[in-house]
PDB file of N, CA and C in Angstrom:
ATOM      1  N   MET A   1       4.099  -2.141 -68.963  1.00  0.00           N
ATOM      2  CA  MET A   1       5.472  -1.871 -68.565  1.00  0.00           C
ATOM      3  C   MET A   1       5.493  -1.618 -67.059  1.00  0.00           C
ATOM      4  N   THR A   2       6.311  -2.348 -66.372  1.00  0.00           N
ATOM      5  CA  THR A   2       6.409  -2.177 -64.924  1.00  0.00           C
ATOM      6  C   THR A   2       7.665  -1.396 -64.597  1.00  0.00           C
ATOM      7  N   SER A   3       7.556  -0.627 -63.556  1.00  0.00           N
ATOM      8  CA  SER A   3       8.743   0.128 -63.136  1.00  0.00           C
ATOM      9  C   SER A   3       9.400  -0.589 -61.973  1.00  0.00           C
ATOM     10  N   LYS A   4      10.693  -0.582 -61.985  1.00  0.00           N
ATOM     11  CA  LYS A   4      11.446  -1.214 -60.906  1.00  0.00           C
ATOM     12  C   LYS A   4      11.825  -0.151 -59.887  1.00  0.00           C
ATOM     13  N   THR A   5      11.675  -0.495 -58.635  1.00  0.00           N
ATOM     14  CA  THR A   5      12.124   0.410 -57.580  1.00  0.00           C
ATOM     15  C   THR A   5      13.414  -0.140 -57.013  1.00  0.00           C
ATOM     16  N   CYS A   6      14.206   0.737 -56.601  1.00  0.00           N
ATOM     17  CA  CYS A   6      15.498   0.340 -56.037  1.00  0.00           C
ATOM     18  C   CYS A   6      15.353   0.253 -54.523  1.00  0.00           C
ATOM     19  N   GLU A   7      15.314  -0.950 -54.008  1.00  0.00           N
ATOM     20  CA  GLU A   7      15.208  -1.168 -52.569  1.00  0.00           C
ATOM     21  C   GLU A   7      16.606  -1.039 -51.960  1.00  0.00           C
ATOM     22  N   PRO A   8      16.718  -0.294 -50.864  1.00  0.00           N
ATOM     23  CA  PRO A   8      18.042  -0.201 -50.238  1.00  0.00           C
ATOM     24  C   PRO A   8      18.438  -1.543 -49.640  1.00  0.00           C
ATOM     25  N   THR A   9      19.686  -1.875 -49.780  1.00  0.00           N
ATOM     26  CA  THR A   9      20.180  -3.109 -49.185  1.00  0.00           C
ATOM     27  C   THR A   9      20.338  -2.897 -47.692  1.00  0.00           C
ATOM     28  N   SER A  10      20.418  -3.991 -46.959  1.00  0.00           N
ATOM     29  CA  SER A  10      20.588  -3.860 -45.514  1.00  0.00           C
ATOM     30  C   SER A  10      21.926  -3.192 -45.186  1.00  0.00           C
ATOM     31  N   LEU A  11      22.930  -3.408 -46.036  1.00  0.00           N
ATOM     32  CA  LEU A  11      24.217  -2.757 -45.832  1.00  0.00           C
ATOM     33  C   LEU A  11      24.083  -1.247 -45.977  1.00  0.00           C
ATOM     34  N   THR A  12      23.370  -0.813 -46.999  1.00  0.00           N
ATOM     35  CA  THR A  12      23.154   0.614 -47.204  1.00  0.00           C
ATOM     36  C   THR A  12      22.356   1.199 -46.048  1.00  0.00           C
ATOM     37  N   ALA A  13      21.322   0.512 -45.618  1.00  0.00           N
ATOM     38  CA  ALA A  13      20.511   0.982 -44.500  1.00  0.00           C
ATOM     39  C   ALA A  13      21.348   1.075 -43.228  1.00  0.00           C
ATOM     40  N   ALA A  14      22.192   0.103 -42.988  1.00  0.00           N
ATOM     41  CA  ALA A  14      23.052   0.120 -41.802  1.00  0.00           C
ATOM     42  C   ALA A  14      24.036   1.280 -41.873  1.00  0.00           C
ATOM     43  N   ARG A  15      24.589   1.520 -43.058  1.00  0.00           N
ATOM     44  CA  ARG A  15      25.534   2.627 -43.227  1.00  0.00           C
ATOM     45  C   ARG A  15      24.844   3.965 -42.991  1.00  0.00           C
ATOM     46  N   LEU A  16      23.620   4.108 -43.495  1.00  0.00           N
ATOM     47  CA  LEU A  16      22.855   5.345 -43.288  1.00  0.00           C
ATOM     48  C   LEU A  16      22.552   5.559 -41.813  1.00  0.00           C
ATOM     49  N   LEU A  17      22.188   4.490 -41.116  1.00  0.00           N
ATOM     50  CA  LEU A  17      21.891   4.591 -39.689  1.00  0.00           C
ATOM     51  C   LEU A  17      23.139   5.003 -38.910  1.00  0.00           C
ATOM     52  N   LYS A  18      24.286   4.393 -39.253  1.00  0.00           N
ATOM     53  CA  LYS A  18      25.546   4.738 -38.597  1.00  0.00           C
ATOM     54  C   LYS A  18      25.895   6.204 -38.852  1.00  0.00           C
ATOM     55  N   THR A  19      25.731   6.651 -40.081  1.00  0.00           N
ATOM     56  CA  THR A  19      26.021   8.038 -40.432  1.00  0.00           C
ATOM     57  C   THR A  19      25.111   8.989 -39.661  1.00  0.00           C
ATOM     58  N   LYS A  20      23.840   8.634 -39.534  1.00  0.00           N
ATOM     59  CA  LYS A  20      22.903   9.484 -38.790  1.00  0.00           C
ATOM     60  C   LYS A  20      23.288   9.548 -37.318  1.00  0.00           C
ATOM     61  N   ARG A  21      23.658   8.418 -36.739  1.00  0.00           N
ATOM     62  CA  ARG A  21      24.069   8.397 -35.324  1.00  0.00           C
ATOM     63  C   ARG A  21      25.305   9.256 -35.105  1.00  0.00           C
ATOM     64  N   GLU A  22      26.269   9.162 -36.025  1.00  0.00           N
ATOM     65  CA  GLU A  22      27.471   9.975 -35.893  1.00  0.00           C
ATOM     66  C   GLU A  22      27.153  11.453 -36.080  1.00  0.00           C
ATOM     67  N   ALA A  23      26.234  11.783 -36.967  1.00  0.00           N
ATOM     68  CA  ALA A  23      25.831  13.180 -37.172  1.00  0.00           C
ATOM     69  C   ALA A  23      25.160  13.740 -35.918  1.00  0.00           C
ATOM     70  N   LEU A  24      24.338  12.944 -35.271  1.00  0.00           N
ATOM     71  CA  LEU A  24      23.696  13.381 -34.026  1.00  0.00           C
ATOM     72  C   LEU A  24      24.736  13.603 -32.928  1.00  0.00           C
ATOM     73  N   LEU A  25      25.718  12.713 -32.845  1.00  0.00           N
ATOM     74  CA  LEU A  25      26.790  12.875 -31.866  1.00  0.00           C
ATOM     75  C   LEU A  25      27.599  14.127 -32.178  1.00  0.00           C
ATOM     76  N   LYS A  26      27.907  14.345 -33.468  1.00  0.00           N
ATOM     77  CA  LYS A  26      28.685  15.524 -33.855  1.00  0.00           C
ATOM     78  C   LYS A  26      27.949  16.801 -33.446  1.00  0.00           C
ATOM     79  N   LYS A  27      26.633  16.841 -33.660  1.00  0.00           N
ATOM     80  CA  LYS A  27      25.843  18.013 -33.265  1.00  0.00           C
ATOM     81  C   LYS A  27      25.904  18.219 -31.760  1.00  0.00           C
ATOM     82  N   ARG A  28      25.775  17.134 -30.997  1.00  0.00           N
ATOM     83  CA  ARG A  28      25.821  17.219 -29.531  1.00  0.00           C
ATOM     84  C   ARG A  28      27.178  17.748 -29.053  1.00  0.00           C
ATOM     85  N   VAL A  29      28.249  17.201 -29.604  1.00  0.00           N
ATOM     86  CA  VAL A  29      29.594  17.624 -29.214  1.00  0.00           C
ATOM     87  C   VAL A  29      29.823  19.089 -29.599  1.00  0.00           C
ATOM     88  N   MET A  30      29.461  19.453 -30.820  1.00  0.00           N
ATOM     89  CA  MET A  30      29.640  20.837 -31.273  1.00  0.00           C
ATOM     90  C   MET A  30      28.808  21.803 -30.415  1.00  0.00           C
ATOM     91  N   ASP A  31      27.590  21.434 -30.085  1.00  0.00           N
ATOM     92  CA  ASP A  31      26.750  22.284 -29.226  1.00  0.00           C
ATOM     93  C   ASP A  31      27.396  22.487 -27.861  1.00  0.00           C
ATOM     94  N   ASP A  32      27.929  21.412 -27.278  1.00  0.00           N
ATOM     95  CA  ASP A  32      28.575  21.516 -25.962  1.00  0.00           C
ATOM     96  C   ASP A  32      29.831  22.386 -26.031  1.00  0.00           C
ATOM     97  N   LEU A  33      30.640  22.219 -27.067  1.00  0.00           N
ATOM     98  CA  LEU A  33      31.844  23.042 -27.209  1.00  0.00           C
ATOM     99  C   LEU A  33      31.474  24.505 -27.450  1.00  0.00           C
ATOM    100  N   ARG A  34      30.440  24.734 -28.257  1.00  0.00           N
ATOM    101  CA  ARG A  34      29.967  26.103 -28.512  1.00  0.00           C
ATOM    102  C   ARG A  34      29.508  26.759 -27.210  1.00  0.00           C
ATOM    103  N   THR A  35      28.793  26.024 -26.371  1.00  0.00           N
ATOM    104  CA  THR A  35      28.330  26.546 -25.084  1.00  0.00           C
ATOM    105  C   THR A  35      29.508  26.944 -24.208  1.00  0.00           C
ATOM    106  N   LEU A  36      30.542  26.107 -24.179  1.00  0.00           N
ATOM    107  CA  LEU A  36      31.738  26.439 -23.391  1.00  0.00           C
ATOM    108  C   LEU A  36      32.409  27.702 -23.925  1.00  0.00           C
ATOM    109  N   ALA A  37      32.526  27.800 -25.241  1.00  0.00           N
ATOM    110  CA  ALA A  37      33.172  28.968 -25.847  1.00  0.00           C
ATOM    111  C   ALA A  37      32.355  30.231 -25.617  1.00  0.00           C
ATOM    112  N   GLN A  38      31.042  30.147 -25.748  1.00  0.00           N
ATOM    113  CA  GLN A  38      30.183  31.320 -25.572  1.00  0.00           C
ATOM    114  C   GLN A  38      30.164  31.794 -24.123  1.00  0.00           C
ATOM    115  N   ALA A  39      30.530  30.916 -23.204  1.00  0.00           N
ATOM    116  CA  ALA A  39      30.609  31.298 -21.795  1.00  0.00           C
ATOM    117  C   ALA A  39      31.918  32.011 -21.485  1.00  0.00           C
ATOM    118  N   GLY A  40      32.726  32.236 -22.514  1.00  0.00           N
ATOM    119  CA  GLY A  40      33.969  32.981 -22.339  1.00  0.00           C
ATOM    120  C   GLY A  40      35.180  32.125 -22.032  1.00  0.00           C
ATOM    121  N   ASN A  41      35.046  30.819 -22.134  1.00  0.00           N
ATOM    122  CA  ASN A  41      36.183  29.933 -21.871  1.00  0.00           C
ATOM    123  C   ASN A  41      37.180  29.985 -23.029  1.00  0.00           C
ATOM    124  N   PRO A  42      38.476  29.795 -22.717  1.00  0.00           N
ATOM    125  CA  PRO A  42      39.494  29.809 -23.767  1.00  0.00           C
ATOM    126  C   PRO A  42      39.476  28.500 -24.559  1.00  0.00           C
ATOM    127  N   ILE A  43      38.585  28.449 -25.543  1.00  0.00           N
ATOM    128  CA  ILE A  43      38.449  27.239 -26.343  1.00  0.00           C
ATOM    129  C   ILE A  43      38.203  27.616 -27.795  1.00  0.00           C
ATOM    130  N   TRP A  44      38.888  26.922 -28.693  1.00  0.00           N
ATOM    131  CA  TRP A  44      38.692  27.058 -30.133  1.00  0.00           C
ATOM    132  C   TRP A  44      38.493  25.650 -30.657  1.00  0.00           C
ATOM    133  N   TYR A  45      37.570  25.481 -31.585  1.00  0.00           N
ATOM    134  CA  TYR A  45      37.318  24.151 -32.127  1.00  0.00           C
ATOM    135  C   TYR A  45      36.956  24.258 -33.607  1.00  0.00           C
ATOM    136  N   TYR A  46      37.158  23.156 -34.309  1.00  0.00           N
ATOM    137  CA  TYR A  46      36.907  23.113 -35.744  1.00  0.00           C
ATOM    138  C   TYR A  46      36.386  21.734 -36.107  1.00  0.00           C
ATOM    139  N   LYS A  47      35.308  21.707 -36.867  1.00  0.00           N
ATOM    140  CA  LYS A  47      34.747  20.448 -37.364  1.00  0.00           C
ATOM    141  C   LYS A  47      35.394  20.156 -38.713  1.00  0.00           C
ATOM    142  N   ALA A  48      36.119  19.069 -38.791  1.00  0.00           N
ATOM    143  CA  ALA A  48      36.787  18.704 -40.042  1.00  0.00           C
ATOM    144  C   ALA A  48      35.750  18.454 -41.132  1.00  0.00           C
ATOM    145  N   GLN A  49      36.117  18.750 -42.348  1.00  0.00           N
ATOM    146  CA  GLN A  49      35.221  18.564 -43.485  1.00  0.00           C
ATOM    147  C   GLN A  49      35.201  17.105 -43.924  1.00  0.00           C
ATOM    148  N   GLU A  50      34.073  16.687 -44.467  1.00  0.00           N
ATOM    149  CA  GLU A  50      33.932  15.310 -44.941  1.00  0.00           C
ATOM    150  C   GLU A  50      34.919  14.984 -46.061  1.00  0.00           C
ATOM    151  N   VAL A  51      35.276  15.962 -46.869  1.00  0.00           N
ATOM    152  CA  VAL A  51      36.171  15.700 -47.989  1.00  0.00           C
ATOM    153  C   VAL A  51      37.575  16.229 -47.708  1.00  0.00           C
ATOM    154  N   GLY A  52      37.942  16.242 -46.450  1.00  0.00           N
ATOM    155  CA  GLY A  52      39.267  16.705 -46.079  1.00  0.00           C
ATOM    156  C   GLY A  52      40.277  15.569 -46.177  1.00  0.00           C
ATOM    157  N   ARG A  53      41.381  15.751 -45.531  1.00  0.00           N
ATOM    158  CA  ARG A  53      42.437  14.746 -45.528  1.00  0.00           C
ATOM    159  C   ARG A  53      41.987  13.511 -44.754  1.00  0.00           C
ATOM    160  N   ARG A  54      42.166  12.359 -45.321  1.00  0.00           N
ATOM    161  CA  ARG A  54      41.746  11.108 -44.677  1.00  0.00           C
ATOM    162  C   ARG A  54      42.492  10.905 -43.362  1.00  0.00           C
ATOM    163  N   GLY A  55      41.760  10.437 -42.360  1.00  0.00           N
ATOM    164  CA  GLY A  55      42.363  10.123 -41.075  1.00  0.00           C
ATOM    165  C   GLY A  55      42.350  11.255 -40.072  1.00  0.00           C
ATOM    166  N   ILE A  56      42.084  12.488 -40.521  1.00  0.00           N
ATOM    167  CA  ILE A  56      42.035  13.621 -39.593  1.00  0.00           C
ATOM    168  C   ILE A  56      40.803  13.460 -38.702  1.00  0.00           C
ATOM    169  N   PRO A  57      40.941  13.644 -37.388  1.00  0.00           N
ATOM    170  CA  PRO A  57      39.793  13.498 -36.487  1.00  0.00           C
ATOM    171  C   PRO A  57      38.647  14.449 -36.858  1.00  0.00           C
ATOM    172  N   ASP A  58      37.441  14.070 -36.456  1.00  0.00           N
ATOM    173  CA  ASP A  58      36.249  14.843 -36.799  1.00  0.00           C
ATOM    174  C   ASP A  58      36.267  16.249 -36.225  1.00  0.00           C
ATOM    175  N   ILE A  59      36.789  16.387 -35.016  1.00  0.00           N
ATOM    176  CA  ILE A  59      36.854  17.707 -34.377  1.00  0.00           C
ATOM    177  C   ILE A  59      38.248  17.895 -33.801  1.00  0.00           C
ATOM    178  N   ILE A  60      38.847  19.031 -34.126  1.00  0.00           N
ATOM    179  CA  ILE A  60      40.110  19.393 -33.496  1.00  0.00           C
ATOM    180  C   ILE A  60      39.851  20.666 -32.696  1.00  0.00           C
ATOM    181  N   ALA A  61      40.536  20.781 -31.575  1.00  0.00           N
ATOM    182  CA  ALA A  61      40.277  21.916 -30.695  1.00  0.00           C
ATOM    183  C   ALA A  61      41.548  22.322 -29.959  1.00  0.00           C
ATOM    184  N   CYS A  62      41.515  23.559 -29.510  1.00  0.00           N
ATOM    185  CA  CYS A  62      42.541  24.062 -28.607  1.00  0.00           C
ATOM    186  C   CYS A  62      41.787  24.495 -27.359  1.00  0.00           C
ATOM    187  N   VAL A  63      42.065  23.832 -26.257  1.00  0.00           N
ATOM    188  CA  VAL A  63      41.370  24.081 -24.999  1.00  0.00           C
ATOM    189  C   VAL A  63      42.380  24.615 -23.987  1.00  0.00           C
ATOM    190  N   ASN A  64      42.264  25.902 -23.690  1.00  0.00           N
ATOM    191  CA  ASN A  64      43.166  26.524 -22.722  1.00  0.00           C
ATOM    192  C   ASN A  64      44.635  26.312 -23.125  1.00  0.00           C
ATOM    193  N   GLY A  65      44.897  26.396 -24.425  1.00  0.00           N
ATOM    194  CA  GLY A  65      46.260  26.248 -24.934  1.00  0.00           C
ATOM    195  C   GLY A  65      46.693  24.819 -25.202  1.00  0.00           C
ATOM    196  N   LEU A  66      45.804  23.853 -25.013  1.00  0.00           N
ATOM    197  CA  LEU A  66      46.151  22.449 -25.183  1.00  0.00           C
ATOM    198  C   LEU A  66      45.412  21.856 -26.385  1.00  0.00           C
ATOM    199  N   PHE A  67      46.130  21.078 -27.194  1.00  0.00           N
ATOM    200  CA  PHE A  67      45.550  20.470 -28.388  1.00  0.00           C
ATOM    201  C   PHE A  67      44.702  19.263 -28.005  1.00  0.00           C
ATOM    202  N   VAL A  68      43.487  19.200 -28.573  1.00  0.00           N
ATOM    203  CA  VAL A  68      42.565  18.091 -28.324  1.00  0.00           C
ATOM    204  C   VAL A  68      42.017  17.617 -29.669  1.00  0.00           C
ATOM    205  N   ALA A  69      42.001  16.313 -29.885  1.00  0.00           N
ATOM    206  CA  ALA A  69      41.451  15.726 -31.114  1.00  0.00           C
ATOM    207  C   ALA A  69      40.361  14.730 -30.737  1.00  0.00           C
ATOM    208  N   LEU A  70      39.214  14.846 -31.405  1.00  0.00           N
ATOM    209  CA  LEU A  70      38.074  13.976 -31.109  1.00  0.00           C
ATOM    210  C   LEU A  70      37.621  13.261 -32.379  1.00  0.00           C
ATOM    211  N   GLU A  71      37.709  11.952 -32.368  1.00  0.00           N
ATOM    212  CA  GLU A  71      37.213  11.123 -33.471  1.00  0.00           C
ATOM    213  C   GLU A  71      35.855  10.574 -33.039  1.00  0.00           C
ATOM    214  N   LEU A  72      34.794  10.964 -33.735  1.00  0.00           N
ATOM    215  CA  LEU A  72      33.440  10.595 -33.352  1.00  0.00           C
ATOM    216  C   LEU A  72      33.012   9.298 -34.029  1.00  0.00           C
ATOM    217  N   LYS A  73      32.427   8.407 -33.233  1.00  0.00           N
ATOM    218  CA  LYS A  73      31.987   7.112 -33.750  1.00  0.00           C
ATOM    219  C   LYS A  73      30.631   6.765 -33.148  1.00  0.00           C
ATOM    220  N   ALA A  74      29.805   6.097 -33.938  1.00  0.00           N
ATOM    221  CA  ALA A  74      28.557   5.554 -33.420  1.00  0.00           C
ATOM    222  C   ALA A  74      28.913   4.497 -32.369  1.00  0.00           C
ATOM    223  N   GLU A  75      27.997   4.263 -31.452  1.00  0.00           N
ATOM    224  CA  GLU A  75      28.235   3.295 -30.374  1.00  0.00           C
ATOM    225  C   GLU A  75      28.692   1.954 -30.950  1.00  0.00           C
ATOM    226  N   GLY A  76      29.800   1.441 -30.421  1.00  0.00           N
ATOM    227  CA  GLY A  76      30.310   0.142 -30.839  1.00  0.00           C
ATOM    228  C   GLY A  76      31.201   0.160 -32.068  1.00  0.00           C
ATOM    229  N   GLU A  77      31.290   1.292 -32.752  1.00  0.00           N
ATOM    230  CA  GLU A  77      32.157   1.394 -33.931  1.00  0.00           C
ATOM    231  C   GLU A  77      33.597   1.636 -33.476  1.00  0.00           C
ATOM    232  N   VAL A  78      34.535   1.327 -34.340  1.00  0.00           N
ATOM    233  CA  VAL A  78      35.952   1.539 -34.023  1.00  0.00           C
ATOM    234  C   VAL A  78      36.578   2.391 -35.129  1.00  0.00           C
ATOM    235  N   PRO A  79      37.641   3.106 -34.783  1.00  0.00           N
ATOM    236  CA  PRO A  79      38.305   3.902 -35.823  1.00  0.00           C
ATOM    237  C   PRO A  79      38.983   2.991 -36.851  1.00  0.00           C
ATOM    238  N   THR A  80      39.145   3.538 -38.043  1.00  0.00           N
ATOM    239  CA  THR A  80      39.887   2.804 -39.067  1.00  0.00           C
ATOM    240  C   THR A  80      41.355   2.758 -38.633  1.00  0.00           C
ATOM    241  N   PRO A  81      42.141   1.861 -39.200  1.00  0.00           N
ATOM    242  CA  PRO A  81      43.567   1.833 -38.856  1.00  0.00           C
ATOM    243  C   PRO A  81      44.243   3.192 -39.072  1.00  0.00           C
ATOM    244  N   LEU A  82      43.879   3.897 -40.143  1.00  0.00           N
ATOM    245  CA  LEU A  82      44.465   5.211 -40.406  1.00  0.00           C
ATOM    246  C   LEU A  82      44.062   6.214 -39.324  1.00  0.00           C
ATOM    247  N   GLN A  83      42.786   6.201 -38.917  1.00  0.00           N
ATOM    248  CA  GLN A  83      42.335   7.105 -37.856  1.00  0.00           C
ATOM    249  C   GLN A  83      43.055   6.800 -36.545  1.00  0.00           C
ATOM    250  N   ALA A  84      43.191   5.528 -36.220  1.00  0.00           N
ATOM    251  CA  ALA A  84      43.892   5.136 -34.991  1.00  0.00           C
ATOM    252  C   ALA A  84      45.346   5.585 -35.029  1.00  0.00           C
ATOM    253  N   MET A  85      45.987   5.439 -36.183  1.00  0.00           N
ATOM    254  CA  MET A  85      47.377   5.866 -36.323  1.00  0.00           C
ATOM    255  C   MET A  85      47.498   7.384 -36.148  1.00  0.00           C
ATOM    256  N   MET A  86      46.572   8.131 -36.747  1.00  0.00           N
ATOM    257  CA  MET A  86      46.612   9.596 -36.622  1.00  0.00           C
ATOM    258  C   MET A  86      46.458  10.020 -35.163  1.00  0.00           C
ATOM    259  N   LEU A  87      45.500   9.409 -34.442  1.00  0.00           N
ATOM    260  CA  LEU A  87      45.324   9.746 -33.028  1.00  0.00           C
ATOM    261  C   LEU A  87      46.587   9.416 -32.238  1.00  0.00           C
ATOM    262  N   ALA A  88      47.177   8.262 -32.501  1.00  0.00           N
ATOM    263  CA  ALA A  88      48.414   7.869 -31.814  1.00  0.00           C
ATOM    264  C   ALA A  88      49.544   8.847 -32.114  1.00  0.00           C
ATOM    265  N   ASN A  89      49.662   9.276 -33.361  1.00  0.00           N
ATOM    266  CA  ASN A  89      50.700  10.242 -33.730  1.00  0.00           C
ATOM    267  C   ASN A  89      50.474  11.583 -33.036  1.00  0.00           C
ATOM    268  N   MET A  90      49.214  11.984 -32.880  1.00  0.00           N
ATOM    269  CA  MET A  90      48.911  13.246 -32.192  1.00  0.00           C
ATOM    270  C   MET A  90      49.294  13.159 -30.722  1.00  0.00           C
ATOM    271  N   VAL A  91      49.031  12.028 -30.091  1.00  0.00           N
ATOM    272  CA  VAL A  91      49.433  11.845 -28.692  1.00  0.00           C
ATOM    273  C   VAL A  91      50.958  11.859 -28.591  1.00  0.00           C
ATOM    274  N   LYS A  92      51.621  11.171 -29.514  1.00  0.00           N
ATOM    275  CA  LYS A  92      53.086  11.122 -29.522  1.00  0.00           C
ATOM    276  C   LYS A  92      53.681  12.524 -29.677  1.00  0.00           C
ATOM    277  N   ALA A  93      52.978  13.378 -30.438  1.00  0.00           N
ATOM    278  CA  ALA A  93      53.454  14.743 -30.671  1.00  0.00           C
ATOM    279  C   ALA A  93      53.104  15.694 -29.525  1.00  0.00           C
ATOM    280  N   GLY A  94      52.403  15.186 -28.501  1.00  0.00           N
ATOM    281  CA  GLY A  94      52.131  16.010 -27.328  1.00  0.00           C
ATOM    282  C   GLY A  94      50.692  16.447 -27.141  1.00  0.00           C
ATOM    283  N   SER A  95      49.768  15.912 -27.928  1.00  0.00           N
ATOM    284  CA  SER A  95      48.362  16.269 -27.754  1.00  0.00           C
ATOM    285  C   SER A  95      47.906  15.929 -26.341  1.00  0.00           C
ATOM    286  N   LYS A  96      47.178  16.835 -25.721  1.00  0.00           N
ATOM    287  CA  LYS A  96      46.667  16.576 -24.374  1.00  0.00           C
ATOM    288  C   LYS A  96      45.629  15.468 -24.407  1.00  0.00           C
ATOM    289  N   LYS A  97      44.849  15.423 -25.458  1.00  0.00           N
ATOM    290  CA  LYS A  97      43.798  14.423 -25.577  1.00  0.00           C
ATOM    291  C   LYS A  97      43.578  14.121 -27.042  1.00  0.00           C
ATOM    292  N   ALA A  98      43.595  12.860 -27.402  1.00  0.00           N
ATOM    293  CA  ALA A  98      43.284  12.407 -28.749  1.00  0.00           C
ATOM    294  C   ALA A  98      42.512  11.106 -28.569  1.00  0.00           C
ATOM    295  N   VAL A  99      41.199  11.196 -28.652  1.00  0.00           N
ATOM    296  CA  VAL A  99      40.362  10.070 -28.255  1.00  0.00           C
ATOM    297  C   VAL A  99      39.240   9.796 -29.247  1.00  0.00           C
ATOM    298  N   VAL A 100      38.721   8.588 -29.143  1.00  0.00           N
ATOM    299  CA  VAL A 100      37.512   8.203 -29.864  1.00  0.00           C
ATOM    300  C   VAL A 100      36.342   8.501 -28.942  1.00  0.00           C
ATOM    301  N   VAL A 101      35.347   9.198 -29.481  1.00  0.00           N
ATOM    302  CA  VAL A 101      34.176   9.593 -28.694  1.00  0.00           C
ATOM    303  C   VAL A 101      32.952   8.852 -29.213  1.00  0.00           C
ATOM    304  N   MET A 102      32.228   8.220 -28.287  1.00  0.00           N
ATOM    305  CA  MET A 102      30.942   7.598 -28.592  1.00  0.00           C
ATOM    306  C   MET A 102      29.896   8.268 -27.711  1.00  0.00           C
ATOM    307  N   PRO A 103      28.625   8.124 -28.046  1.00  0.00           N
ATOM    308  CA  PRO A 103      27.593   8.758 -27.215  1.00  0.00           C
ATOM    309  C   PRO A 103      27.737   8.421 -25.729  1.00  0.00           C
ATOM    310  N   SER A 104      28.082   7.179 -25.408  1.00  0.00           N
ATOM    311  CA  SER A 104      28.189   6.781 -24.000  1.00  0.00           C
ATOM    312  C   SER A 104      29.428   7.350 -23.312  1.00  0.00           C
ATOM    313  N   THR A 105      30.455   7.708 -24.072  1.00  0.00           N
ATOM    314  CA  THR A 105      31.685   8.213 -23.458  1.00  0.00           C
ATOM    315  C   THR A 105      31.768   9.732 -23.454  1.00  0.00           C
ATOM    316  N   TRP A 106      30.928  10.416 -24.242  1.00  0.00           N
ATOM    317  CA  TRP A 106      31.022  11.870 -24.352  1.00  0.00           C
ATOM    318  C   TRP A 106      30.865  12.594 -23.020  1.00  0.00           C
ATOM    319  N   PRO A 107      29.909  12.255 -22.145  1.00  0.00           N
ATOM    320  CA  PRO A 107      29.800  13.008 -20.881  1.00  0.00           C
ATOM    321  C   PRO A 107      31.109  13.012 -20.072  1.00  0.00           C
ATOM    322  N   ALA A 108      31.773  11.877 -19.987  1.00  0.00           N
ATOM    323  CA  ALA A 108      33.041  11.814 -19.238  1.00  0.00           C
ATOM    324  C   ALA A 108      34.139  12.598 -19.948  1.00  0.00           C
ATOM    325  N   ILE A 109      34.188  12.533 -21.268  1.00  0.00           N
ATOM    326  CA  ILE A 109      35.199  13.280 -22.021  1.00  0.00           C
ATOM    327  C   ILE A 109      34.930  14.776 -21.906  1.00  0.00           C
ATOM    328  N   LEU A 110      33.656  15.173 -21.946  1.00  0.00           N
ATOM    329  CA  LEU A 110      33.314  16.584 -21.755  1.00  0.00           C
ATOM    330  C   LEU A 110      33.780  17.069 -20.389  1.00  0.00           C
ATOM    331  N   ASP A 111      33.621  16.239 -19.365  1.00  0.00           N
ATOM    332  CA  ASP A 111      34.123  16.601 -18.023  1.00  0.00           C
ATOM    333  C   ASP A 111      35.637  16.801 -18.052  1.00  0.00           C
ATOM    334  N   GLU A 112      36.356  15.944 -18.800  1.00  0.00           N
ATOM    335  CA  GLU A 112      37.809  16.097 -18.918  1.00  0.00           C
ATOM    336  C   GLU A 112      38.173  17.386 -19.641  1.00  0.00           C
ATOM    337  N   VAL A 113      37.403  17.729 -20.675  1.00  0.00           N
ATOM    338  CA  VAL A 113      37.637  18.984 -21.398  1.00  0.00           C
ATOM    339  C   VAL A 113      37.418  20.161 -20.442  1.00  0.00           C
ATOM    340  N   LYS A 114      36.376  20.095 -19.631  1.00  0.00           N
ATOM    341  CA  LYS A 114      36.113  21.172 -18.653  1.00  0.00           C
ATOM    342  C   LYS A 114      37.255  21.271 -17.651  1.00  0.00           C
ATOM    343  N   GLU A 115      37.848  20.155 -17.271  1.00  0.00           N
ATOM    344  CA  GLU A 115      38.994  20.175 -16.347  1.00  0.00           C
ATOM    345  C   GLU A 115      40.177  20.911 -16.964  1.00  0.00           C
ATOM    346  N   LEU A 116      40.349  20.777 -18.285  1.00  0.00           N
ATOM    347  CA  LEU A 116      41.443  21.478 -18.964  1.00  0.00           C
ATOM    348  C   LEU A 116      41.262  22.997 -18.917  1.00  0.00           C
ATOM    349  N   LEU A 117      40.042  23.442 -18.687  1.00  0.00           N
ATOM    350  CA  LEU A 117      39.760  24.879 -18.637  1.00  0.00           C
ATOM    351  C   LEU A 117      40.145  25.498 -17.296  1.00  0.00           C
ATOM    352  N   LYS A 118      40.436  24.683 -16.307  1.00  0.00           N
ATOM    353  CA  LYS A 118      40.763  25.202 -14.965  1.00  0.00           C
ATOM    354  C   LYS A 118      42.203  25.634 -14.843  1.00  0.00           C
TER     355      LYS A 118
END
């Protein structure tokens, strides 16, 4: 009797890699926001739950009284139509920043967040 092993498909492997990249980005962003908050800056942030309402950005924050929404994506990924609509609605409602964040764009976005603290 031979046992069969379940080999992951390339689609599954790609999805796992994308999820890992986004998790690493989420940790980096959360660490940077935590550092700003621990330095006494007026910042509050929240990491949305995986099983929360669909389309809600990964991180929502209040920076010096201004609403900021961050949708985290692996490099080259794009938001779903629902995520894009939610970000657009947040901007329409007056959000100071509602953006898609990738590893390559985070340093510049972090600089913008720091500017909001001034």
